[in-house]
Amino acid sequence: MSTPMMIAVYFTIWWIVLFAVLPFGVRSQHEDGEIPEGTDPGAPVAPLLLKKAVATTLVSAVVFAGLYVFVEYMG
């Protein structure tokens, strides 16, 4: 697998995992009971995006490593 292909595959895996991780631990303003005027009640209170980006990177690295091993040694 070439380097540009590895980057493209990792980037794709990262985005897929990000969308899977985003909903974890999110509380809406409605659930929290405090809705500032002019905001949507379904808006997240604290989305913790940095924490989720780090988790996404780690999970993506594991998934990519497994895929890489499979393609290089099993395929």
PDB file of N, CA and C in Angstrom:
ATOM      1  N   MET A   1       0.861  -1.169   0.000  1.00  0.00           N
ATOM      2  CA  MET A   1       0.000   0.000   0.000  1.00  0.00           C
ATOM      3  C   MET A   1       0.910   1.236   0.000  1.00  0.00           C
ATOM      4  N   SER A   2       0.658   2.141  -0.922  1.00  0.00           N
ATOM      5  CA  SER A   2       1.489   3.337  -1.038  1.00  0.00           C
ATOM      6  C   SER A   2       1.157   4.342   0.075  1.00  0.00           C
ATOM      7  N   THR A   3       2.072   5.260   0.310  1.00  0.00           N
ATOM      8  CA  THR A   3       1.880   6.263   1.362  1.00  0.00           C
ATOM      9  C   THR A   3       0.643   7.135   1.126  1.00  0.00           C
ATOM     10  N   PRO A   4       0.433   7.664  -0.075  1.00  0.00           N
ATOM     11  CA  PRO A   4      -0.791   8.457  -0.278  1.00  0.00           C
ATOM     12  C   PRO A   4      -2.067   7.641  -0.038  1.00  0.00           C
ATOM     13  N   MET A   5      -2.044   6.367  -0.415  1.00  0.00           N
ATOM     14  CA  MET A   5      -3.205   5.507  -0.178  1.00  0.00           C
ATOM     15  C   MET A   5      -3.416   5.287   1.317  1.00  0.00           C
ATOM     16  N   MET A   6      -2.328   5.090   2.056  1.00  0.00           N
ATOM     17  CA  MET A   6      -2.454   4.915   3.508  1.00  0.00           C
ATOM     18  C   MET A   6      -3.040   6.164   4.165  1.00  0.00           C
ATOM     19  N   ILE A   7      -2.596   7.336   3.728  1.00  0.00           N
ATOM     20  CA  ILE A   7      -3.118   8.593   4.277  1.00  0.00           C
ATOM     21  C   ILE A   7      -4.607   8.728   3.967  1.00  0.00           C
ATOM     22  N   ALA A   8      -4.992   8.423   2.739  1.00  0.00           N
ATOM     23  CA  ALA A   8      -6.397   8.524   2.344  1.00  0.00           C
ATOM     24  C   ALA A   8      -7.268   7.547   3.134  1.00  0.00           C
ATOM     25  N   VAL A   9      -6.788   6.327   3.323  1.00  0.00           N
ATOM     26  CA  VAL A   9      -7.547   5.320   4.074  1.00  0.00           C
ATOM     27  C   VAL A   9      -7.655   5.727   5.534  1.00  0.00           C
ATOM     28  N   TYR A  10      -6.559   6.199   6.124  1.00  0.00           N
ATOM     29  CA  TYR A  10      -6.603   6.633   7.530  1.00  0.00           C
ATOM     30  C   TYR A  10      -7.571   7.808   7.697  1.00  0.00           C
ATOM     31  N   PHE A  11      -7.516   8.769   6.783  1.00  0.00           N
ATOM     32  CA  PHE A  11      -8.404   9.928   6.835  1.00  0.00           C
ATOM     33  C   PHE A  11      -9.871   9.489   6.755  1.00  0.00           C
ATOM     34  N   THR A  12     -10.169   8.553   5.890  1.00  0.00           N
ATOM     35  CA  THR A  12     -11.541   8.046   5.755  1.00  0.00           C
ATOM     36  C   THR A  12     -11.976   7.329   7.024  1.00  0.00           C
ATOM     37  N   ILE A  13     -11.113   6.481   7.560  1.00  0.00           N
ATOM     38  CA  ILE A  13     -11.427   5.779   8.811  1.00  0.00           C
ATOM     39  C   ILE A  13     -11.645   6.784   9.931  1.00  0.00           C
ATOM     40  N   TRP A  14     -10.801   7.828   9.996  1.00  0.00           N
ATOM     41  CA  TRP A  14     -10.901   8.827  11.058  1.00  0.00           C
ATOM     42  C   TRP A  14     -12.269   9.506  11.026  1.00  0.00           C
ATOM     43  N   TRP A  15     -12.732   9.895   9.848  1.00  0.00           N
ATOM     44  CA  TRP A  15     -14.036  10.565   9.743  1.00  0.00           C
ATOM     45  C   TRP A  15     -15.180   9.638  10.117  1.00  0.00           C
ATOM     46  N   ILE A  16     -15.120   8.399   9.695  1.00  0.00           N
ATOM     47  CA  ILE A  16     -16.182   7.441  10.036  1.00  0.00           C
ATOM     48  C   ILE A  16     -16.229   7.232  11.546  1.00  0.00           C
ATOM     49  N   VAL A  17     -15.069   7.055  12.159  1.00  0.00           N
ATOM     50  CA  VAL A  17     -15.019   6.852  13.611  1.00  0.00           C
ATOM     51  C   VAL A  17     -15.478   8.116  14.342  1.00  0.00           C
ATOM     52  N   LEU A  18     -15.115   9.293  13.834  1.00  0.00           N
ATOM     53  CA  LEU A  18     -15.555  10.546  14.466  1.00  0.00           C
ATOM     54  C   LEU A  18     -17.075  10.605  14.552  1.00  0.00           C
ATOM     55  N   PHE A  19     -17.757  10.293  13.458  1.00  0.00           N
ATOM     56  CA  PHE A  19     -19.214  10.347  13.484  1.00  0.00           C
ATOM     57  C   PHE A  19     -19.813   9.281  14.394  1.00  0.00           C
ATOM     58  N   ALA A  20     -19.100   8.203  14.631  1.00  0.00           N
ATOM     59  CA  ALA A  20     -19.565   7.187  15.577  1.00  0.00           C
ATOM     60  C   ALA A  20     -19.340   7.634  17.015  1.00  0.00           C
ATOM     61  N   VAL A  21     -18.282   8.411  17.264  1.00  0.00           N
ATOM     62  CA  VAL A  21     -17.914   8.826  18.620  1.00  0.00           C
ATOM     63  C   VAL A  21     -18.652  10.088  19.070  1.00  0.00           C
ATOM     64  N   LEU A  22     -19.028  10.956  18.149  1.00  0.00           N
ATOM     65  CA  LEU A  22     -19.623  12.245  18.502  1.00  0.00           C
ATOM     66  C   LEU A  22     -20.801  12.176  19.476  1.00  0.00           C
ATOM     67  N   PRO A  23     -21.727  11.237  19.355  1.00  0.00           N
ATOM     68  CA  PRO A  23     -22.877  11.253  20.273  1.00  0.00           C
ATOM     69  C   PRO A  23     -22.574  10.808  21.709  1.00  0.00           C
ATOM     70  N   PHE A  24     -21.439  10.185  21.959  1.00  0.00           N
ATOM     71  CA  PHE A  24     -21.155   9.661  23.297  1.00  0.00           C
ATOM     72  C   PHE A  24     -21.032  10.782  24.322  1.00  0.00           C
ATOM     73  N   GLY A  25     -21.775  10.674  25.412  1.00  0.00           N
ATOM     74  CA  GLY A  25     -21.651  11.598  26.530  1.00  0.00           C
ATOM     75  C   GLY A  25     -22.199  12.988  26.317  1.00  0.00           C
ATOM     76  N   VAL A  26     -22.988  13.196  25.274  1.00  0.00           N
ATOM     77  CA  VAL A  26     -23.527  14.531  25.005  1.00  0.00           C
ATOM     78  C   VAL A  26     -24.871  14.688  25.688  1.00  0.00           C
ATOM     79  N   ARG A  27     -25.001  15.804  26.390  1.00  0.00           N
ATOM     80  CA  ARG A  27     -26.280  16.156  27.013  1.00  0.00           C
ATOM     81  C   ARG A  27     -26.787  17.424  26.338  1.00  0.00           C
ATOM     82  N   SER A  28     -28.071  17.404  25.982  1.00  0.00           N
ATOM     83  CA  SER A  28     -28.656  18.586  25.350  1.00  0.00           C
ATOM     84  C   SER A  28     -29.020  19.613  26.415  1.00  0.00           C
ATOM     85  N   GLN A  29     -29.269  20.840  25.967  1.00  0.00           N
ATOM     86  CA  GLN A  29     -29.692  21.890  26.891  1.00  0.00           C
ATOM     87  C   GLN A  29     -31.028  21.521  27.526  1.00  0.00           C
ATOM     88  N   HIS A  30     -31.871  20.854  26.769  1.00  0.00           N
ATOM     89  CA  HIS A  30     -33.174  20.432  27.298  1.00  0.00           C
ATOM     90  C   HIS A  30     -32.990  19.424  28.438  1.00  0.00           C
ATOM     91  N   GLU A  31     -32.093  18.458  28.257  1.00  0.00           N
ATOM     92  CA  GLU A  31     -31.832  17.468  29.300  1.00  0.00           C
ATOM     93  C   GLU A  31     -31.188  18.112  30.524  1.00  0.00           C
ATOM     94  N   ASP A  32     -30.372  19.114  30.290  1.00  0.00           N
ATOM     95  CA  ASP A  32     -29.680  19.789  31.383  1.00  0.00           C
ATOM     96  C   ASP A  32     -30.607  20.731  32.146  1.00  0.00           C
ATOM     97  N   GLY A  33     -31.684  21.150  31.495  1.00  0.00           N
ATOM     98  CA  GLY A  33     -32.658  22.006  32.154  1.00  0.00           C
ATOM     99  C   GLY A  33     -32.345  23.486  32.078  1.00  0.00           C
ATOM    100  N   GLU A  34     -31.291  23.863  31.401  1.00  0.00           N
ATOM    101  CA  GLU A  34     -30.913  25.274  31.294  1.00  0.00           C
ATOM    102  C   GLU A  34     -30.802  25.632  29.820  1.00  0.00           C
ATOM    103  N   ILE A  35     -31.801  26.383  29.325  1.00  0.00           N
ATOM    104  CA  ILE A  35     -31.850  26.739  27.912  1.00  0.00           C
ATOM    105  C   ILE A  35     -31.718  28.252  27.779  1.00  0.00           C
ATOM    106  N   PRO A  36     -30.545  28.735  27.357  1.00  0.00           N
ATOM    107  CA  PRO A  36     -30.389  30.176  27.135  1.00  0.00           C
ATOM    108  C   PRO A  36     -31.331  30.649  26.024  1.00  0.00           C
ATOM    109  N   GLU A  37     -31.856  31.839  26.174  1.00  0.00           N
ATOM    110  CA  GLU A  37     -32.803  32.371  25.206  1.00  0.00           C
ATOM    111  C   GLU A  37     -32.137  32.500  23.832  1.00  0.00           C
ATOM    112  N   GLY A  38     -32.878  32.092  22.811  1.00  0.00           N
ATOM    113  CA  GLY A  38     -32.385  32.200  21.450  1.00  0.00           C
ATOM    114  C   GLY A  38     -31.585  31.003  20.970  1.00  0.00           C
ATOM    115  N   THR A  39     -31.456  29.967  21.793  1.00  0.00           N
ATOM    116  CA  THR A  39     -30.715  28.780  21.376  1.00  0.00           C
ATOM    117  C   THR A  39     -31.672  27.600  21.234  1.00  0.00           C
ATOM    118  N   ASP A  40     -31.238  26.618  20.498  1.00  0.00           N
ATOM    119  CA  ASP A  40     -32.043  25.421  20.291  1.00  0.00           C
ATOM    120  C   ASP A  40     -31.962  24.525  21.521  1.00  0.00           C
ATOM    121  N   PRO A  41     -33.087  24.003  21.988  1.00  0.00           N
ATOM    122  CA  PRO A  41     -33.054  23.120  23.167  1.00  0.00           C
ATOM    123  C   PRO A  41     -32.254  21.838  22.944  1.00  0.00           C
ATOM    124  N   GLY A  42     -32.077  21.444  21.696  1.00  0.00           N
ATOM    125  CA  GLY A  42     -31.328  20.223  21.406  1.00  0.00           C
ATOM    126  C   GLY A  42     -29.831  20.445  21.270  1.00  0.00           C
ATOM    127  N   ALA A  43     -29.381  21.702  21.405  1.00  0.00           N
ATOM    128  CA  ALA A  43     -27.953  21.997  21.280  1.00  0.00           C
ATOM    129  C   ALA A  43     -27.196  21.381  22.461  1.00  0.00           C
ATOM    130  N   PRO A  44     -26.003  20.857  22.211  1.00  0.00           N
ATOM    131  CA  PRO A  44     -25.235  20.240  23.299  1.00  0.00           C
ATOM    132  C   PRO A  44     -24.737  21.269  24.300  1.00  0.00           C
ATOM    133  N   VAL A  45     -24.667  20.854  25.554  1.00  0.00           N
ATOM    134  CA  VAL A  45     -24.174  21.731  26.618  1.00  0.00           C
ATOM    135  C   VAL A  45     -22.646  21.811  26.547  1.00  0.00           C
ATOM    136  N   ALA A  46     -21.985  20.678  26.565  1.00  0.00           N
ATOM    137  CA  ALA A  46     -20.524  20.625  26.494  1.00  0.00           C
ATOM    138  C   ALA A  46     -20.148  19.466  25.573  1.00  0.00           C
ATOM    139  N   PRO A  47     -19.873  19.739  24.287  1.00  0.00           N
ATOM    140  CA  PRO A  47     -19.625  18.641  23.357  1.00  0.00           C
ATOM    141  C   PRO A  47     -18.296  17.909  23.543  1.00  0.00           C
ATOM    142  N   LEU A  48     -17.340  18.488  24.275  1.00  0.00           N
ATOM    143  CA  LEU A  48     -16.046  17.835  24.552  1.00  0.00           C
ATOM    144  C   LEU A  48     -15.335  17.396  23.268  1.00  0.00           C
ATOM    145  N   LEU A  49     -15.241  18.303  22.306  1.00  0.00           N
ATOM    146  CA  LEU A  49     -14.707  17.954  20.993  1.00  0.00           C
ATOM    147  C   LEU A  49     -13.236  17.553  21.010  1.00  0.00           C
ATOM    148  N   LEU A  50     -12.427  18.200  21.821  1.00  0.00           N
ATOM    149  CA  LEU A  50     -11.010  17.834  21.870  1.00  0.00           C
ATOM    150  C   LEU A  50     -10.836  16.405  22.387  1.00  0.00           C
ATOM    151  N   LYS A  51     -11.556  16.066  23.433  1.00  0.00           N
ATOM    152  CA  LYS A  51     -11.496  14.719  23.998  1.00  0.00           C
ATOM    153  C   LYS A  51     -11.953  13.678  22.963  1.00  0.00           C
ATOM    154  N   LYS A  52     -12.996  14.024  22.214  1.00  0.00           N
ATOM    155  CA  LYS A  52     -13.505  13.105  21.206  1.00  0.00           C
ATOM    156  C   LYS A  52     -12.550  12.995  20.021  1.00  0.00           C
ATOM    157  N   ALA A  53     -11.856  14.074  19.679  1.00  0.00           N
ATOM    158  CA  ALA A  53     -10.876  14.024  18.592  1.00  0.00           C
ATOM    159  C   ALA A  53      -9.700  13.115  18.966  1.00  0.00           C
ATOM    160  N   VAL A  54      -9.278  13.190  20.210  1.00  0.00           N
ATOM    161  CA  VAL A  54      -8.186  12.323  20.680  1.00  0.00           C
ATOM    162  C   VAL A  54      -8.638  10.865  20.679  1.00  0.00           C
ATOM    163  N   ALA A  55      -9.835  10.603  21.180  1.00  0.00           N
ATOM    164  CA  ALA A  55     -10.360   9.234  21.184  1.00  0.00           C
ATOM    165  C   ALA A  55     -10.514   8.714  19.765  1.00  0.00           C
ATOM    166  N   THR A  56     -10.992   9.566  18.862  1.00  0.00           N
ATOM    167  CA  THR A  56     -11.151   9.183  17.462  1.00  0.00           C
ATOM    168  C   THR A  56      -9.809   8.830  16.841  1.00  0.00           C
ATOM    169  N   THR A  57      -8.782   9.613  17.142  1.00  0.00           N
ATOM    170  CA  THR A  57      -7.456   9.357  16.597  1.00  0.00           C
ATOM    171  C   THR A  57      -6.912   8.018  17.086  1.00  0.00           C
ATOM    172  N   LEU A  58      -7.089   7.734  18.366  1.00  0.00           N
ATOM    173  CA  LEU A  58      -6.597   6.467  18.918  1.00  0.00           C
ATOM    174  C   LEU A  58      -7.345   5.268  18.347  1.00  0.00           C
ATOM    175  N   VAL A  59      -8.657   5.353  18.296  1.00  0.00           N
ATOM    176  CA  VAL A  59      -9.444   4.246  17.752  1.00  0.00           C
ATOM    177  C   VAL A  59      -9.133   4.053  16.275  1.00  0.00           C
ATOM    178  N   SER A  60      -9.011   5.145  15.538  1.00  0.00           N
ATOM    179  CA  SER A  60      -8.695   5.062  14.107  1.00  0.00           C
ATOM    180  C   SER A  60      -7.329   4.429  13.874  1.00  0.00           C
ATOM    181  N   ALA A  61      -6.375   4.741  14.726  1.00  0.00           N
ATOM    182  CA  ALA A  61      -5.042   4.155  14.593  1.00  0.00           C
ATOM    183  C   ALA A  61      -5.101   2.643  14.770  1.00  0.00           C
ATOM    184  N   VAL A  62      -5.874   2.173  15.726  1.00  0.00           N
ATOM    185  CA  VAL A  62      -6.009   0.733  15.958  1.00  0.00           C
ATOM    186  C   VAL A  62      -6.699   0.063  14.771  1.00  0.00           C
ATOM    187  N   VAL A  63      -7.787   0.675  14.297  1.00  0.00           N
ATOM    188  CA  VAL A  63      -8.509   0.110  13.153  1.00  0.00           C
ATOM    189  C   VAL A  63      -7.605   0.101  11.916  1.00  0.00           C
ATOM    190  N   PHE A  64      -6.890   1.206  11.687  1.00  0.00           N
ATOM    191  CA  PHE A  64      -6.006   1.274  10.522  1.00  0.00           C
ATOM    192  C   PHE A  64      -4.886   0.236  10.627  1.00  0.00           C
ATOM    193  N   ALA A  65      -4.325   0.064  11.809  1.00  0.00           N
ATOM    194  CA  ALA A  65      -3.256  -0.928  11.988  1.00  0.00           C
ATOM    195  C   ALA A  65      -3.765  -2.324  11.659  1.00  0.00           C
ATOM    196  N   GLY A  66      -4.960  -2.641  12.118  1.00  0.00           N
ATOM    197  CA  GLY A  66      -5.540  -3.940  11.798  1.00  0.00           C
ATOM    198  C   GLY A  66      -5.772  -4.113  10.312  1.00  0.00           C
ATOM    199  N   LEU A  67      -6.286  -3.075   9.666  1.00  0.00           N
ATOM    200  CA  LEU A  67      -6.508  -3.123   8.226  1.00  0.00           C
ATOM    201  C   LEU A  67      -5.187  -3.244   7.468  1.00  0.00           C
ATOM    202  N   TYR A  68      -4.185  -2.502   7.912  1.00  0.00           N
ATOM    203  CA  TYR A  68      -2.870  -2.543   7.266  1.00  0.00           C
ATOM    204  C   TYR A  68      -2.260  -3.944   7.354  1.00  0.00           C
ATOM    205  N   VAL A  69      -2.308  -4.530   8.528  1.00  0.00           N
ATOM    206  CA  VAL A  69      -1.777  -5.897   8.710  1.00  0.00           C
ATOM    207  C   VAL A  69      -2.519  -6.869   7.811  1.00  0.00           C
ATOM    208  N   PHE A  70      -3.840  -6.722   7.772  1.00  0.00           N
ATOM    209  CA  PHE A  70      -4.629  -7.622   6.925  1.00  0.00           C
ATOM    210  C   PHE A  70      -4.264  -7.489   5.459  1.00  0.00           C
ATOM    211  N   VAL A  71      -4.162  -6.246   4.970  1.00  0.00           N
ATOM    212  CA  VAL A  71      -3.873  -6.024   3.554  1.00  0.00           C
ATOM    213  C   VAL A  71      -2.452  -6.464   3.198  1.00  0.00           C
ATOM    214  N   GLU A  72      -1.493  -6.129   4.048  1.00  0.00           N
ATOM    215  CA  GLU A  72      -0.088  -6.420   3.729  1.00  0.00           C
ATOM    216  C   GLU A  72       0.286  -7.895   3.911  1.00  0.00           C
ATOM    217  N   TYR A  73      -0.267  -8.549   4.911  1.00  0.00           N
ATOM    218  CA  TYR A  73       0.195  -9.897   5.239  1.00  0.00           C
ATOM    219  C   TYR A  73      -0.818 -10.988   4.921  1.00  0.00           C
ATOM    220  N   MET A  74      -2.095 -10.639   4.848  1.00  0.00           N
ATOM    221  CA  MET A  74      -3.107 -11.655   4.582  1.00  0.00           C
ATOM    222  C   MET A  74      -3.620 -11.598   3.148  1.00  0.00           C
ATOM    223  N   GLY A  75      -3.473 -10.420   2.527  1.00  0.00           N
ATOM    224  CA  GLY A  75      -4.045 -10.215   1.190  1.00  0.00           C
ATOM    225  C   GLY A  75      -3.132 -10.588   0.146  1.00  0.00           C
TER     226      GLY A  75
END
